[in-house]
Amino acid sequence: MIENIEDTTEKVVLIGLITQHQNEEKSNEYLDELEFLTLTAGGKAVKRFVQKLETPNPKTFIGTGKLEEVRQYIEANNVKTVIFDDELASSQLRNIEKVLNCKVLDRTNLILDIFAARAQTSYARTQVELAQCQYLLPRLTRLWTHLERQKGGIGMRGPGETEIETDRRIIRDKISLLKKKLLIVDKQMAVQRKNRGKMVRVALVGYTNVGKSTLMNVVSKSDVFAENKLFATLDTTVRKVVIRNLPFLLTDTVGFIRKLPTQLVESFKSTLDEVREADLLLHVVDISHPNFEDHMASVNKILAEIGSADKPTIIVFNKIDAFEHQTIEKDDLVTEKKEIHYTLEEWKKTWMNRLENNCVFISALNKENMEAFKEKVFEEVKKIHITRFPYNDLLYEEFKEEN
């Protein structure tokens, strides 16, 4: 007898907006990413609701009519979770919960939840906990009822402290404690970085899920965890790599994402110190993603924020094996040729041509064009090495690796 196995995946409804700053195409793109985030967190998006508004409703983010439509849908389909694509204010969160009577999350909360699940080391868990506390502080109302049973009476009528004030004090104390804990670990990591000597440091940076960890495994012959999900890597990994006879340190860092919560940027500053102190950046880009240019812009923005935008950089266009382009039929005289129709060769003739020798096209998964990649990295590391050790010429003698 075959038993029916119940699907325990959490059903989720996604909600986004089309505004004057975010057109329909951009809104759909963000919701696609939100759906991938939901999948990574262990949920399944069953429905999307999108509304056109000039600006988000200050009380309920979306209009009351659309909110009622969402309520009817989640009641009819037994959906327990609703996720909004933008960060919600505490008042919006309360108002929406009153109407929908279910779990309401925003993009920031979802990313924090994924980070909490992915954090492996004590250091990463502390960073995530700090970000969660900073996110939670202004949203404490109605979360706890641990003082409900306290009763007044003779001698008990002092000014006291309200429940919400107690909760806020507890969270503030915890934030202070976590910051002190991170400072201690930061000092330890600074000592570790100092102990690495004067070896050239190379850092892998890029959008989440572009293949940084896969590339790290191929180049360093290590087994860093890699998976086709967002934020597979949270903990910084450093490996010693030797190309030809030139050694250097390669660092795998946490991936970036659009609308990255400010709490996470703040909490992960020490992790990003690896990027700040790197001599060379390898900016890995998923060339097969239709919005890879936006991803590059998001990464460059965060690099500028942490003061690393002017570092020597090689742009590594990864996943050429998965690259596909749309075609236009020969007899189609109406369709205008756009970027989605460009072949890889046509892309190389666009703004990428101006990158000259600072880019390389590879497939880390299939190990395509890896020799060209290693050659490019070797030349850049060699330049830095020469300035650091001007008399160490023996390292640069040419020889061929044995297969």
Protein backbone atom coordinates (compact mmCIF):
# COMPACT_ATOMS: atom_id res chain seq x y z
CA MET A 1 0.00 0.00 0.00
CA ILE A 2 1.43 3.36 -1.06
CA GLU A 3 1.08 6.10 1.55
CA ASN A 4 0.54 9.70 0.51
CA ILE A 5 3.48 11.78 1.70
CA GLU A 6 2.31 15.22 2.76
CA ASP A 7 4.27 18.15 1.31
CA THR A 8 5.60 20.04 4.34
CA THR A 9 7.10 22.92 2.31
CA GLU A 10 5.82 26.23 3.66
CA LYS A 11 3.49 27.96 1.19
CA VAL A 12 4.30 31.63 0.69
CA VAL A 13 2.67 34.61 -1.06
CA LEU A 14 4.99 37.31 -2.47
CA ILE A 15 4.02 40.99 -2.67
CA GLY A 16 5.76 43.71 -4.69
CA LEU A 17 5.15 47.22 -6.02
CA ILE A 18 5.47 49.03 -9.32
CA THR A 19 6.39 52.64 -8.50
CA GLN A 20 7.84 55.68 -10.24
CA HIS A 21 11.31 54.42 -9.25
CA GLN A 22 10.66 50.75 -10.07
CA ASN A 23 8.97 49.78 -13.35
CA GLU A 24 7.15 46.51 -14.07
CA GLU A 25 10.22 44.79 -15.51
CA LYS A 26 12.35 45.72 -12.49
CA SER A 27 9.56 44.69 -10.09
CA ASN A 28 9.28 41.23 -11.72
CA GLU A 29 13.03 40.86 -11.60
CA TYR A 30 13.12 41.63 -7.86
CA LEU A 31 10.23 39.22 -7.24
CA ASP A 32 12.11 36.48 -9.16
CA GLU A 33 15.02 37.03 -6.80
CA LEU A 34 12.66 37.06 -3.79
CA GLU A 35 11.23 33.73 -4.97
CA PHE A 36 14.76 32.28 -5.13
CA LEU A 37 15.41 33.62 -1.61
CA THR A 38 12.16 31.96 -0.45
CA LEU A 39 13.24 28.66 -2.01
CA THR A 40 16.63 28.94 -0.29
CA ALA A 41 14.85 29.52 3.05
CA GLY A 42 12.76 26.37 2.52
CA GLY A 43 9.49 27.91 1.27
CA LYS A 44 7.50 27.70 -1.95
CA ALA A 45 6.01 30.80 -3.60
CA VAL A 46 2.46 29.92 -4.71
CA LYS A 47 1.23 33.39 -5.74
CA ARG A 48 2.47 36.90 -6.50
CA PHE A 49 0.56 40.13 -5.94
CA VAL A 50 1.84 43.30 -7.60
CA GLN A 51 0.28 46.76 -7.36
CA LYS A 52 0.97 50.03 -9.15
CA LEU A 53 1.41 52.92 -6.71
CA GLU A 54 3.34 56.19 -6.94
CA THR A 55 4.76 55.57 -3.47
CA PRO A 56 4.18 52.78 -0.91
CA ASN A 57 1.16 53.25 1.37
CA PRO A 58 2.58 54.58 4.69
CA LYS A 59 0.06 52.50 6.69
CA THR A 60 -0.15 49.16 4.88
CA PHE A 61 2.56 49.37 2.12
CA ILE A 62 -0.04 48.31 -0.50
CA GLY A 63 -3.57 49.68 -0.89
CA THR A 64 -6.37 48.44 1.40
CA GLY A 65 -8.25 46.91 -1.55
CA LYS A 66 -5.21 44.88 -2.65
CA LEU A 67 -4.59 43.86 0.98
CA GLU A 68 -8.15 42.54 1.21
CA GLU A 69 -7.56 40.58 -2.03
CA VAL A 70 -4.44 39.04 -0.45
CA ARG A 71 -6.41 38.17 2.72
CA GLN A 72 -9.09 36.37 0.75
CA TYR A 73 -6.50 34.39 -1.22
CA ILE A 74 -4.47 33.24 1.81
CA GLU A 75 -7.64 32.20 3.66
CA ALA A 76 -8.94 30.24 0.66
CA ASN A 77 -5.59 28.50 0.06
CA ASN A 78 -4.44 28.02 3.67
CA VAL A 79 -1.29 30.13 3.24
CA LYS A 80 0.42 31.05 6.53
CA THR A 81 3.24 33.32 5.32
CA VAL A 82 3.33 36.56 3.30
CA ILE A 83 6.64 38.13 2.22
CA PHE A 84 7.01 41.73 1.01
CA ASP A 85 9.81 42.66 -1.39
CA ASP A 86 10.82 45.81 0.52
CA GLU A 87 11.62 46.54 4.14
CA LEU A 88 8.50 47.30 6.20
CA ALA A 89 8.27 49.87 8.98
CA SER A 90 7.16 48.54 12.39
CA SER A 91 3.78 50.32 12.06
CA GLN A 92 3.19 48.83 8.58
CA LEU A 93 4.08 45.38 9.91
CA ARG A 94 1.52 45.69 12.75
CA ASN A 95 -1.23 47.01 10.48
CA ILE A 96 -0.72 44.27 7.88
CA GLU A 97 -0.67 41.53 10.54
CA LYS A 98 -4.01 42.78 11.93
CA VAL A 99 -5.66 42.45 8.51
CA LEU A 100 -4.01 39.23 7.27
CA ASN A 101 -3.79 37.43 10.62
CA CYS A 102 -0.72 35.43 9.48
CA LYS A 103 3.08 35.58 9.56
CA VAL A 104 4.30 38.68 7.71
CA LEU A 105 7.96 39.04 6.67
CA ASP A 106 9.88 41.53 4.55
CA ARG A 107 12.93 41.03 2.33
CA THR A 108 15.34 41.95 5.15
CA ASN A 109 13.79 39.48 7.59
CA LEU A 110 13.97 36.72 4.97
CA ILE A 111 17.66 37.37 4.23
CA LEU A 112 18.43 37.40 7.97
CA ASP A 113 16.63 34.07 8.34
CA ILE A 114 18.73 32.54 5.53
CA PHE A 115 21.91 33.92 7.10
CA ALA A 116 20.92 32.43 10.48
CA ALA A 117 20.41 29.01 8.87
CA ARG A 118 23.67 29.18 6.87
CA ALA A 119 26.00 30.48 9.61
CA GLN A 120 28.36 27.66 10.61
CA THR A 121 31.08 29.20 12.78
CA SER A 122 30.61 30.97 16.11
CA TYR A 123 31.85 34.19 14.49
CA ALA A 124 29.28 34.10 11.67
CA ARG A 125 26.48 33.23 14.12
CA THR A 126 27.43 36.20 16.31
CA GLN A 127 27.39 38.55 13.30
CA VAL A 128 23.96 37.29 12.23
CA GLU A 129 22.60 37.53 15.78
CA LEU A 130 23.76 41.15 15.99
CA ALA A 131 22.03 41.99 12.70
CA GLN A 132 18.84 40.27 13.90
CA CYS A 133 18.84 42.23 17.16
CA GLN A 134 19.38 45.54 15.32
CA TYR A 135 16.51 44.67 12.98
CA LEU A 136 14.27 43.57 15.85
CA LEU A 137 14.78 46.58 18.15
CA PRO A 138 12.27 48.97 16.49
CA ARG A 139 9.80 46.10 15.87
CA LEU A 140 9.37 44.74 19.39
CA THR A 141 5.70 45.63 19.93
CA ARG A 142 3.49 42.62 20.68
CA LEU A 143 6.30 40.10 20.27
CA TRP A 144 6.47 39.10 23.94
CA THR A 145 3.90 38.90 26.76
CA HIS A 146 6.15 37.74 29.60
CA LEU A 147 4.92 40.50 31.97
CA GLU A 148 1.21 39.90 31.40
CA ARG A 149 0.70 38.11 34.71
CA GLN A 150 2.38 40.70 36.89
CA LYS A 151 -0.22 42.15 39.23
CA GLY A 152 -0.34 45.31 41.28
CA GLY A 153 -1.19 45.54 44.98
CA ILE A 154 -0.10 47.11 48.22
CA GLY A 155 3.45 48.30 47.96
CA MET A 156 3.56 47.45 44.25
CA ARG A 157 2.51 50.81 42.80
CA GLY A 158 5.90 52.25 41.87
CA PRO A 159 6.65 53.92 38.51
CA GLY A 160 7.82 50.51 37.26
CA GLU A 161 8.85 49.65 33.75
CA THR A 162 6.51 48.76 30.93
CA GLU A 163 6.84 45.46 29.06
CA ILE A 164 8.08 47.09 25.86
CA GLU A 165 10.71 49.12 27.75
CA THR A 166 11.99 45.93 29.40
CA ASP A 167 12.22 44.17 26.05
CA ARG A 168 14.06 47.09 24.48
CA ARG A 169 16.51 47.20 27.37
CA ILE A 170 17.16 43.44 27.03
CA ILE A 171 17.80 43.80 23.27
CA ARG A 172 20.06 46.86 23.73
CA ASP A 173 22.10 44.99 26.37
CA LYS A 174 22.40 42.03 24.01
CA ILE A 175 23.51 44.28 21.11
CA SER A 176 26.17 45.82 23.36
CA LEU A 177 27.34 42.35 24.45
CA LEU A 178 27.50 41.03 20.87
CA LYS A 179 29.48 44.08 19.70
CA LYS A 180 32.04 43.49 22.47
CA LYS A 181 32.25 39.82 21.49
CA LEU A 182 32.83 40.75 17.83
CA LEU A 183 35.56 43.23 18.80
CA ILE A 184 37.47 40.42 20.55
CA VAL A 185 37.14 38.14 17.50
CA ASP A 186 38.08 41.04 15.18
CA LYS A 187 41.36 41.43 17.08
CA GLN A 188 42.02 37.69 16.77
CA MET A 189 41.34 37.78 13.01
CA ALA A 190 43.55 40.87 12.62
CA VAL A 191 46.39 38.90 14.27
CA GLN A 192 45.71 35.96 11.92
CA ARG A 193 45.90 38.28 8.90
CA LYS A 194 49.16 39.75 10.23
CA ASN A 195 50.60 36.26 10.72
CA ARG A 196 50.09 35.53 7.02
CA GLY A 197 53.15 37.66 6.38
CA LYS A 198 53.63 39.63 3.19
CA MET A 199 52.05 37.10 0.85
CA VAL A 200 49.90 38.61 -1.89
CA ARG A 201 46.19 38.41 -0.97
CA VAL A 202 43.54 37.80 -3.60
CA ALA A 203 39.81 38.00 -2.73
CA LEU A 204 36.85 36.57 -4.64
CA VAL A 205 33.97 39.05 -4.63
CA GLY A 206 30.67 39.13 -6.46
CA TYR A 207 26.92 38.75 -6.34
CA THR A 208 25.51 35.77 -4.46
CA ASN A 209 25.32 32.47 -6.40
CA VAL A 210 27.74 33.44 -9.20
CA GLY A 211 30.09 30.50 -8.56
CA LYS A 212 32.77 31.97 -6.27
CA SER A 213 33.03 28.86 -4.07
CA THR A 214 33.09 26.55 -7.10
CA LEU A 215 35.95 28.61 -8.57
CA MET A 216 37.72 28.53 -5.19
CA ASN A 217 37.50 24.72 -5.16
CA VAL A 218 38.90 24.42 -8.69
CA VAL A 219 41.82 26.81 -8.17
CA SER A 220 42.81 25.78 -4.63
CA LYS A 221 41.87 22.08 -4.96
CA SER A 222 39.90 22.38 -1.71
CA ASP A 223 36.36 21.38 -0.74
CA VAL A 224 34.64 24.65 0.21
CA PHE A 225 30.86 24.15 0.43
CA ALA A 226 29.20 25.17 -2.84
CA GLU A 227 25.51 24.91 -3.77
CA ASN A 228 23.14 26.42 -6.34
CA LYS A 229 21.38 28.54 -3.72
CA LEU A 230 21.72 32.10 -2.48
CA PHE A 231 24.23 32.75 0.32
CA ALA A 232 25.69 29.21 0.32
CA THR A 233 28.88 30.78 1.73
CA LEU A 234 28.83 32.97 4.84
CA ASP A 235 32.11 32.13 6.51
CA THR A 236 35.26 33.58 4.99
CA THR A 237 37.62 30.84 3.76
CA VAL A 238 41.32 31.45 3.04
CA ARG A 239 43.48 28.98 1.08
CA LYS A 240 47.09 29.08 -0.07
CA VAL A 241 47.27 28.76 -3.86
CA VAL A 242 50.33 28.25 -6.07
CA ILE A 243 50.15 29.05 -9.79
CA ARG A 244 53.35 27.91 -11.50
CA ASN A 245 55.79 28.69 -8.69
CA LEU A 246 54.14 31.85 -7.37
CA PRO A 247 52.26 31.43 -4.05
CA PHE A 248 49.42 33.71 -2.88
CA LEU A 249 46.40 33.60 -0.55
CA LEU A 250 42.91 33.24 -2.05
CA THR A 251 39.87 34.30 0.01
CA ASP A 252 36.25 33.30 -0.61
CA THR A 253 33.87 35.94 0.79
CA VAL A 254 30.14 36.32 1.42
CA GLY A 255 28.11 37.19 -1.70
CA PHE A 256 26.33 40.50 -2.17
CA ILE A 257 22.71 41.12 -3.16
CA ARG A 258 20.55 44.05 -4.22
CA LYS A 259 18.60 45.73 -1.38
CA LEU A 260 21.14 44.26 1.06
CA PRO A 261 19.97 45.07 4.61
CA THR A 262 22.03 47.81 6.23
CA GLN A 263 22.19 45.74 9.43
CA LEU A 264 24.07 43.01 7.54
CA VAL A 265 26.57 45.39 5.93
CA GLU A 266 27.24 46.80 9.41
CA SER A 267 27.51 43.37 11.09
CA PHE A 268 29.67 41.82 8.37
CA LYS A 269 32.15 44.70 8.18
CA SER A 270 34.83 42.57 9.81
CA THR A 271 34.23 39.79 7.26
CA LEU A 272 34.58 42.41 4.54
CA ASP A 273 37.94 43.39 6.06
CA GLU A 274 39.32 40.49 4.02
CA VAL A 275 38.22 42.42 0.91
CA ARG A 276 39.61 45.70 2.24
CA GLU A 277 43.02 44.20 2.91
CA ALA A 278 43.22 42.25 -0.36
CA ASP A 279 45.84 43.27 -2.93
CA LEU A 280 43.80 41.99 -5.89
CA LEU A 281 40.05 41.43 -6.37
CA LEU A 282 38.54 38.77 -8.61
CA HIS A 283 35.06 40.11 -9.39
CA VAL A 284 33.11 36.98 -10.38
CA VAL A 285 30.06 37.61 -12.61
CA ASP A 286 27.36 35.14 -13.70
CA ILE A 287 27.33 35.93 -17.44
CA SER A 288 24.35 33.58 -17.95
CA HIS A 289 22.08 35.74 -15.75
CA PRO A 290 19.96 38.16 -17.80
CA ASN A 291 20.61 40.98 -15.29
CA PHE A 292 24.32 40.47 -14.74
CA GLU A 293 25.04 44.16 -15.43
CA ASP A 294 22.79 45.20 -12.52
CA HIS A 295 24.53 42.63 -10.33
CA MET A 296 27.91 44.13 -11.22
CA ALA A 297 26.63 47.62 -10.36
CA SER A 298 25.36 46.38 -6.95
CA VAL A 299 28.71 44.79 -6.14
CA ASN A 300 30.64 47.90 -7.25
CA LYS A 301 28.38 50.04 -5.05
CA ILE A 302 29.12 47.94 -1.94
CA LEU A 303 32.85 47.88 -2.79
CA ALA A 304 32.76 51.69 -2.96
CA GLU A 305 31.00 51.80 0.43
CA ILE A 306 33.78 49.79 2.08
CA GLY A 307 36.54 51.73 0.31
CA SER A 308 37.71 48.99 -2.05
CA ALA A 309 36.53 50.28 -5.44
CA ASP A 310 39.98 51.42 -6.58
CA LYS A 311 41.78 48.10 -5.99
CA PRO A 312 43.31 46.18 -8.95
CA THR A 313 40.47 44.00 -10.25
CA ILE A 314 40.06 41.16 -12.74
CA ILE A 315 36.47 40.62 -13.88
CA VAL A 316 35.79 36.89 -14.20
CA PHE A 317 32.74 36.19 -16.37
CA ASN A 318 31.69 32.75 -15.14
CA LYS A 319 29.09 30.17 -16.29
CA ILE A 320 29.75 30.55 -20.05
CA ASP A 321 28.48 26.95 -20.34
CA ALA A 322 25.01 28.12 -19.20
CA PHE A 323 24.95 31.29 -21.36
CA GLU A 324 22.02 31.46 -23.79
CA HIS A 325 20.71 34.25 -26.01
CA GLN A 326 17.39 34.83 -27.72
CA THR A 327 17.38 34.66 -31.51
CA ILE A 328 15.56 36.73 -34.11
CA GLU A 329 14.21 34.94 -37.17
CA LYS A 330 15.63 36.14 -40.53
CA ASP A 331 12.17 37.12 -41.80
CA ASP A 332 11.33 39.02 -38.58
CA LEU A 333 11.54 42.70 -39.53
CA VAL A 334 9.68 44.00 -36.46
CA THR A 335 11.70 42.78 -33.46
CA GLU A 336 14.43 45.21 -32.46
CA LYS A 337 17.77 43.66 -31.55
CA LYS A 338 18.48 44.16 -27.84
CA GLU A 339 21.02 42.92 -25.31
CA ILE A 340 19.02 39.71 -24.74
CA HIS A 341 19.82 38.79 -28.39
CA TYR A 342 23.60 39.29 -28.06
CA THR A 343 25.86 36.27 -28.47
CA LEU A 344 28.91 35.93 -26.25
CA GLU A 345 31.12 37.21 -29.10
CA GLU A 346 28.86 40.25 -29.56
CA TRP A 347 29.00 40.99 -25.83
CA LYS A 348 32.81 40.98 -26.02
CA LYS A 349 32.61 43.80 -28.59
CA THR A 350 30.47 46.04 -26.32
CA TRP A 351 31.71 47.88 -23.20
CA MET A 352 33.55 44.67 -22.28
CA ASN A 353 36.05 45.48 -25.03
CA ARG A 354 37.18 48.50 -23.00
CA LEU A 355 38.17 46.19 -20.13
CA GLU A 356 41.08 45.07 -22.36
CA ASN A 357 43.21 42.63 -20.36
CA ASN A 358 41.20 42.92 -17.15
CA CYS A 359 38.57 40.28 -17.89
CA VAL A 360 38.37 36.57 -18.66
CA PHE A 361 35.51 34.23 -19.66
CA ILE A 362 35.37 30.83 -17.92
CA SER A 363 33.17 28.00 -16.68
CA ALA A 364 34.35 26.98 -13.21
CA LEU A 365 31.93 24.03 -13.15
CA ASN A 366 33.20 22.52 -16.42
CA LYS A 367 36.74 23.91 -15.98
CA GLU A 368 36.59 25.71 -19.34
CA ASN A 369 39.27 28.29 -20.14
CA MET A 370 40.87 27.81 -16.71
CA GLU A 371 44.41 28.03 -18.12
CA ALA A 372 43.70 31.54 -19.45
CA PHE A 373 42.24 32.44 -16.05
CA LYS A 374 45.33 31.17 -14.20
CA GLU A 375 47.62 33.02 -16.61
CA LYS A 376 45.71 36.27 -16.02
CA VAL A 377 45.83 35.89 -12.24
CA PHE A 378 49.52 34.91 -12.36
CA GLU A 379 50.44 38.07 -14.30
CA GLU A 380 48.53 40.35 -11.90
CA VAL A 381 49.88 38.67 -8.75
CA LYS A 382 53.38 38.81 -10.28
CA LYS A 383 53.09 42.62 -10.72
CA ILE A 384 52.19 43.03 -7.04
CA HIS A 385 54.87 40.55 -5.97
CA ILE A 386 57.59 42.41 -7.91
CA THR A 387 56.80 45.68 -6.12
CA ARG A 388 56.85 43.89 -2.76
CA PHE A 389 59.94 41.72 -3.35
CA PRO A 390 61.90 43.51 -6.13
CA TYR A 391 64.97 41.22 -5.92
CA ASN A 392 63.20 37.88 -5.83
CA ASP A 393 63.54 37.12 -9.56
CA LEU A 394 63.88 33.35 -9.17
CA LEU A 395 60.12 33.04 -8.72
CA TYR A 396 59.41 34.25 -12.22
CA GLU A 397 61.47 31.76 -14.17
CA GLU A 398 59.26 30.13 -16.79
CA PHE A 399 58.45 26.45 -16.52
CA LYS A 400 55.61 24.19 -17.58
CA GLU A 401 53.39 22.35 -15.11
CA GLU A 402 53.19 18.58 -15.43
CA ASN A 403 49.69 17.30 -16.09
